[in-house]
């Protein structure tokens, strides 16, 4: 199978608010700030990378007051930034998503630098798309140990990360094995910022339910320590049964 990776153009955009596009200069600074880069100052009218088939969520949004009263500075990278293959097929669902499901990758292991995290995203896509034959990487978004957010399938795209929930959820994977260790604060904050961004933009229902993967499938994911952490987050929901979501036939 070929190794076609996506490349798209750029357009001018305005301030992101909670999330903003990353320029090459931002990336260089992120690498220099190893191991825990500081958020970059947001810039007005910087170029926004448009993702083939995923441009619906790459728009400016103001999120002041959404997550604790102040705009956040987590950064969102496009699929082109991390060298994603073009999806075999993209299937959309009507939003806003009523569920957010948290995962850990287990393998790949935790990454620290941006190049390593980009490599981890490509490895997950290769495993899902090439080895398993899926349309794309299974998750909606990935969070790296560099504190950056990596676009996977994106918002309102049917995923392949949680059976029965793939067409009604945002699946966020925190790269690494989080069974006994807690992810760095920058990763946790990035995940919360992403959720707040999705709510502010209308991709996630304001009354969404936050779940760990283990609640909808027989698995250790997202790891015991991470699951313990997210159980303290707003909107975390303790399910008595997975029967509340009816089985659906999803393309992956």
Protein backbone atom coordinates (compact mmCIF):
# COMPACT_ATOMS: atom_id res chain seq x y z
CA UNK A 1 0.00 0.00 0.00
CA UNK A 2 1.29 3.45 -0.88
CA UNK A 3 2.48 6.01 1.62
CA UNK A 4 0.56 9.04 0.41
CA UNK A 5 0.60 11.81 3.00
CA UNK A 6 -1.72 14.82 2.93
CA UNK A 7 -0.58 18.26 1.89
CA UNK A 8 -2.96 21.23 1.80
CA UNK A 9 -2.63 24.95 1.36
CA UNK A 10 -3.00 27.86 3.77
CA UNK A 11 -5.40 30.75 4.07
CA UNK A 12 -5.40 33.83 6.22
CA UNK A 13 -7.34 33.69 9.44
CA UNK A 14 -7.84 35.59 12.65
CA UNK A 15 -7.19 34.98 16.34
CA UNK A 16 -8.18 31.49 17.50
CA UNK A 17 -8.98 32.30 21.11
CA UNK A 18 -8.51 28.97 22.90
CA UNK A 19 -6.81 27.21 19.99
CA UNK A 20 -4.72 28.56 17.17
CA UNK A 21 -2.81 27.30 14.16
CA UNK A 22 0.90 26.64 14.57
CA UNK A 23 3.41 28.34 12.30
CA UNK A 24 6.87 26.89 11.47
CA UNK A 25 8.35 29.45 13.87
CA UNK A 26 6.03 28.17 16.62
CA UNK A 27 7.20 24.61 15.98
CA UNK A 28 10.87 25.62 16.21
CA UNK A 29 10.24 27.38 19.49
CA UNK A 30 8.30 24.38 20.81
CA UNK A 31 11.26 22.10 20.10
CA UNK A 32 13.67 24.52 21.77
CA UNK A 33 11.51 24.53 24.90
CA UNK A 34 11.87 20.76 25.47
CA UNK A 35 10.68 19.01 27.55
CA UNK A 36 7.65 21.13 28.46
CA UNK A 37 7.13 23.97 25.97
CA UNK A 38 5.42 27.13 27.12
CA UNK A 39 2.32 28.30 25.20
CA UNK A 40 3.11 30.64 22.34
CA UNK A 41 1.55 34.09 22.18
CA UNK A 42 -1.40 34.16 19.82
CA UNK A 43 -1.02 36.16 16.65
CA UNK A 44 -3.62 38.14 14.74
CA UNK A 45 -4.28 37.19 11.10
CA UNK A 46 -1.81 34.33 11.01
CA UNK A 47 -2.15 31.64 8.30
CA UNK A 48 -4.49 28.79 9.17
CA UNK A 49 -3.74 25.41 7.67
CA UNK A 50 -6.79 23.97 5.92
CA UNK A 51 -7.11 20.20 6.09
CA UNK A 52 -8.44 18.30 3.07
CA UNK A 53 -11.92 17.19 4.08
CA UNK A 54 -11.56 18.57 7.61
CA UNK A 55 -11.76 22.33 7.14
CA UNK A 56 -15.08 22.63 8.99
CA UNK A 57 -13.40 23.03 12.38
CA UNK A 58 -10.41 25.11 11.34
CA UNK A 59 -12.16 28.44 11.89
CA UNK A 60 -11.63 31.29 14.37
CA UNK A 61 -13.54 31.00 17.62
CA UNK A 62 -13.69 33.08 20.79
CA UNK A 63 -13.79 30.97 23.93
CA UNK A 64 -13.36 33.55 26.68
CA UNK A 65 -15.32 32.39 29.68
CA UNK A 66 -15.86 28.85 28.38
CA UNK A 67 -13.30 27.06 30.55
CA UNK A 68 -12.88 28.89 33.80
CA UNK A 69 -13.22 32.43 32.51
CA UNK A 70 -10.02 32.96 30.53
CA UNK A 71 -9.01 32.06 26.99
CA UNK A 72 -6.56 29.17 26.82
CA UNK A 73 -3.49 28.91 24.62
CA UNK A 74 -3.36 25.24 23.64
CA UNK A 75 -2.38 24.75 20.03
CA UNK A 76 -4.02 22.60 17.38
CA UNK A 77 -1.97 21.04 14.58
CA UNK A 78 -3.54 20.03 11.29
CA UNK A 79 -3.28 16.60 9.72
CA UNK A 80 -0.87 18.04 7.17
CA UNK A 81 1.39 19.24 9.98
CA UNK A 82 2.00 15.72 11.28
CA UNK A 83 2.08 14.11 7.84
CA UNK A 84 -1.19 12.20 7.83
CA UNK A 85 -2.28 10.07 4.93
CA UNK A 86 -5.42 11.13 3.11
CA UNK A 87 -8.43 9.19 4.53
CA UNK A 88 -9.78 6.39 2.39
CA UNK A 89 -13.29 7.65 3.13
CA UNK A 90 -14.83 10.29 5.38
CA UNK A 91 -18.29 9.73 6.92
CA UNK A 92 -19.88 12.57 8.84
CA UNK A 93 -22.50 12.59 11.58
CA UNK A 94 -24.81 15.36 12.70
CA UNK A 95 -23.50 17.32 15.65
CA UNK A 96 -23.16 18.40 18.31
CA UNK A 97 -21.62 15.24 19.77
CA UNK A 98 -23.26 14.17 23.06
CA UNK A 99 -20.22 12.17 24.23
CA UNK A 100 -16.51 12.75 24.71
CA UNK A 101 -14.48 9.56 25.18
CA UNK A 102 -10.95 9.56 26.57
CA UNK A 103 -8.33 6.99 25.55
CA UNK A 104 -4.66 6.28 26.04
CA UNK A 105 -2.58 4.84 23.22
CA UNK A 106 -0.62 2.40 25.46
CA UNK A 107 1.52 1.89 22.37
CA UNK A 108 3.04 4.19 21.13
CA UNK A 109 4.60 5.12 24.45
CA UNK A 110 4.57 8.66 25.78
CA UNK A 111 6.25 11.21 23.53
CA UNK A 112 7.92 14.41 24.68
CA UNK A 113 9.20 16.28 21.63
CA UNK A 114 6.98 17.44 18.79
CA UNK A 115 8.83 15.33 16.15
CA UNK A 116 8.34 12.24 18.32
CA UNK A 117 4.65 13.00 18.85
CA UNK A 118 4.16 13.51 15.12
CA UNK A 119 5.82 10.14 14.56
CA UNK A 120 3.48 8.56 17.10
CA UNK A 121 0.46 9.92 15.24
CA UNK A 122 1.78 8.45 11.99
CA UNK A 123 2.42 5.10 13.67
CA UNK A 124 -1.15 4.98 14.99
CA UNK A 125 -2.54 5.89 11.59
CA UNK A 126 -0.39 3.23 9.93
CA UNK A 127 -1.63 0.58 12.39
CA UNK A 128 -5.28 1.57 11.99
CA UNK A 129 -5.34 2.36 8.28
CA UNK A 130 -2.81 -0.12 6.89
CA UNK A 131 -2.73 -3.05 9.31
CA UNK A 132 -6.40 -2.99 10.30
CA UNK A 133 -7.72 -1.67 7.01
CA UNK A 134 -9.73 1.18 8.51
CA UNK A 135 -10.47 4.41 6.70
CA UNK A 136 -8.12 6.45 8.86
CA UNK A 137 -6.62 6.79 12.33
CA UNK A 138 -9.41 5.80 14.69
CA UNK A 139 -9.39 8.84 17.00
CA UNK A 140 -10.83 12.30 16.51
CA UNK A 141 -7.81 13.98 18.11
CA UNK A 142 -4.51 13.09 19.77
CA UNK A 143 -2.74 14.86 22.64
CA UNK A 144 1.05 14.73 22.78
CA UNK A 145 3.45 15.04 25.68
CA UNK A 146 4.55 18.30 24.03
CA UNK A 147 1.16 19.72 25.05
CA UNK A 148 -0.02 20.04 21.44
CA UNK A 149 -3.31 18.81 20.01
CA UNK A 150 -3.12 16.73 16.82
CA UNK A 151 -6.10 16.53 14.48
CA UNK A 152 -7.12 12.94 13.76
CA UNK A 153 -10.46 12.41 12.07
CA UNK A 154 -11.71 15.71 13.46
CA UNK A 155 -15.09 16.84 14.72
CA UNK A 156 -18.35 15.38 13.39
CA UNK A 157 -16.53 12.58 11.58
CA UNK A 158 -17.48 8.97 12.36
CA UNK A 159 -14.58 7.44 14.25
CA UNK A 160 -13.27 3.95 14.99
CA UNK A 161 -12.43 4.17 18.68
CA UNK A 162 -15.52 3.11 20.67
CA UNK A 163 -18.13 0.68 19.29
CA UNK A 164 -21.71 2.03 19.44
CA UNK A 165 -20.36 5.53 20.10
CA UNK A 166 -18.36 6.17 16.94
CA UNK A 167 -21.10 8.20 15.29
CA UNK A 168 -21.94 10.33 18.31
CA UNK A 169 -18.68 11.14 20.10
CA UNK A 170 -15.35 12.90 20.05
CA UNK A 171 -12.56 10.41 20.76
CA UNK A 172 -9.45 11.94 22.34
CA UNK A 173 -6.32 9.82 22.80
CA UNK A 174 -3.57 10.89 25.19
CA UNK A 175 -0.42 9.38 23.71
CA UNK A 176 1.26 7.04 26.19
CA UNK A 177 0.62 4.35 28.79
CA UNK A 178 -1.33 5.92 31.66
CA UNK A 179 -2.10 2.86 33.79
CA UNK A 180 0.08 3.88 36.72
CA UNK A 181 1.35 7.35 35.88
CA UNK A 182 -0.59 10.58 35.36
CA UNK A 183 -0.05 12.41 32.08
CA UNK A 184 1.78 15.75 32.35
CA UNK A 185 -0.34 18.75 33.29
CA UNK A 186 0.12 20.20 29.79
CA UNK A 187 -1.55 17.15 28.24
CA UNK A 188 -4.48 17.25 30.63
CA UNK A 189 -4.94 20.96 30.06
CA UNK A 190 -4.81 20.51 26.29
CA UNK A 191 -7.55 17.87 26.47
CA UNK A 192 -9.75 20.16 28.56
CA UNK A 193 -9.07 23.10 26.24
CA UNK A 194 -10.03 20.98 23.23
CA UNK A 195 -13.32 20.00 24.84
CA UNK A 196 -14.05 23.64 25.73
CA UNK A 197 -13.24 24.65 22.16
CA UNK A 198 -15.59 21.98 20.79
CA UNK A 199 -18.40 23.19 23.04
CA UNK A 200 -17.81 26.84 22.12
CA UNK A 201 -17.81 26.06 18.42
CA UNK A 202 -20.91 23.85 18.58
CA UNK A 203 -19.24 20.52 17.81
CA UNK A 204 -19.81 19.17 21.31
CA UNK A 205 -23.12 19.39 23.16
CA UNK A 206 -22.88 21.74 26.18
CA UNK A 207 -24.40 18.95 28.27
CA UNK A 208 -22.01 16.29 26.92
CA UNK A 209 -21.14 13.16 28.89
CA UNK A 210 -17.46 12.47 29.51
CA UNK A 211 -16.48 8.80 29.50
CA UNK A 212 -13.38 6.66 29.66
CA UNK A 213 -13.00 3.99 26.98
CA UNK A 214 -13.28 1.23 29.61
CA UNK A 215 -16.86 2.31 30.32
CA UNK A 216 -18.02 1.35 26.83
CA UNK A 217 -15.77 -1.62 26.12
CA UNK A 218 -13.92 -4.37 28.02
CA UNK A 219 -10.49 -2.75 28.14
CA UNK A 220 -7.99 -1.13 30.53
CA UNK A 221 -8.03 2.01 28.39
CA UNK A 222 -7.52 4.87 29.22
CA UNK A 223 -5.39 3.39 32.00
CA UNK A 224 -6.25 3.35 35.69
CA UNK A 225 -4.44 6.53 36.66
CA UNK A 226 -5.83 8.60 33.80
CA UNK A 227 -9.31 7.22 34.38
CA UNK A 228 -9.07 8.23 38.02
CA UNK A 229 -8.12 11.74 36.90
CA UNK A 230 -10.90 12.25 34.36
CA UNK A 231 -13.46 10.99 36.89
CA UNK A 232 -12.88 14.34 38.65
CA UNK A 233 -13.52 16.43 35.52
CA UNK A 234 -16.77 18.25 34.75
CA UNK A 235 -19.37 16.15 32.90
CA UNK A 236 -17.80 12.82 33.86
CA UNK A 237 -20.62 10.28 33.81
CA UNK A 238 -20.81 6.96 35.61
CA UNK A 239 -22.68 4.54 33.36
CA UNK A 240 -24.61 1.66 34.86
CA UNK A 241 -24.89 -0.01 31.49
CA UNK A 242 -23.82 0.62 27.90
CA UNK A 243 -27.36 -0.24 26.78
CA UNK A 244 -28.33 3.44 26.72
CA UNK A 245 -26.62 3.65 23.34
CA UNK A 246 -28.26 1.47 20.72
CA UNK A 247 -25.98 -0.51 18.39
CA UNK A 248 -25.44 1.09 15.01
CA UNK A 249 -23.68 -0.12 11.90
CA UNK A 250 -20.76 2.25 11.39
CA UNK A 251 -18.21 2.34 8.65
CA UNK A 252 -14.70 2.64 10.01
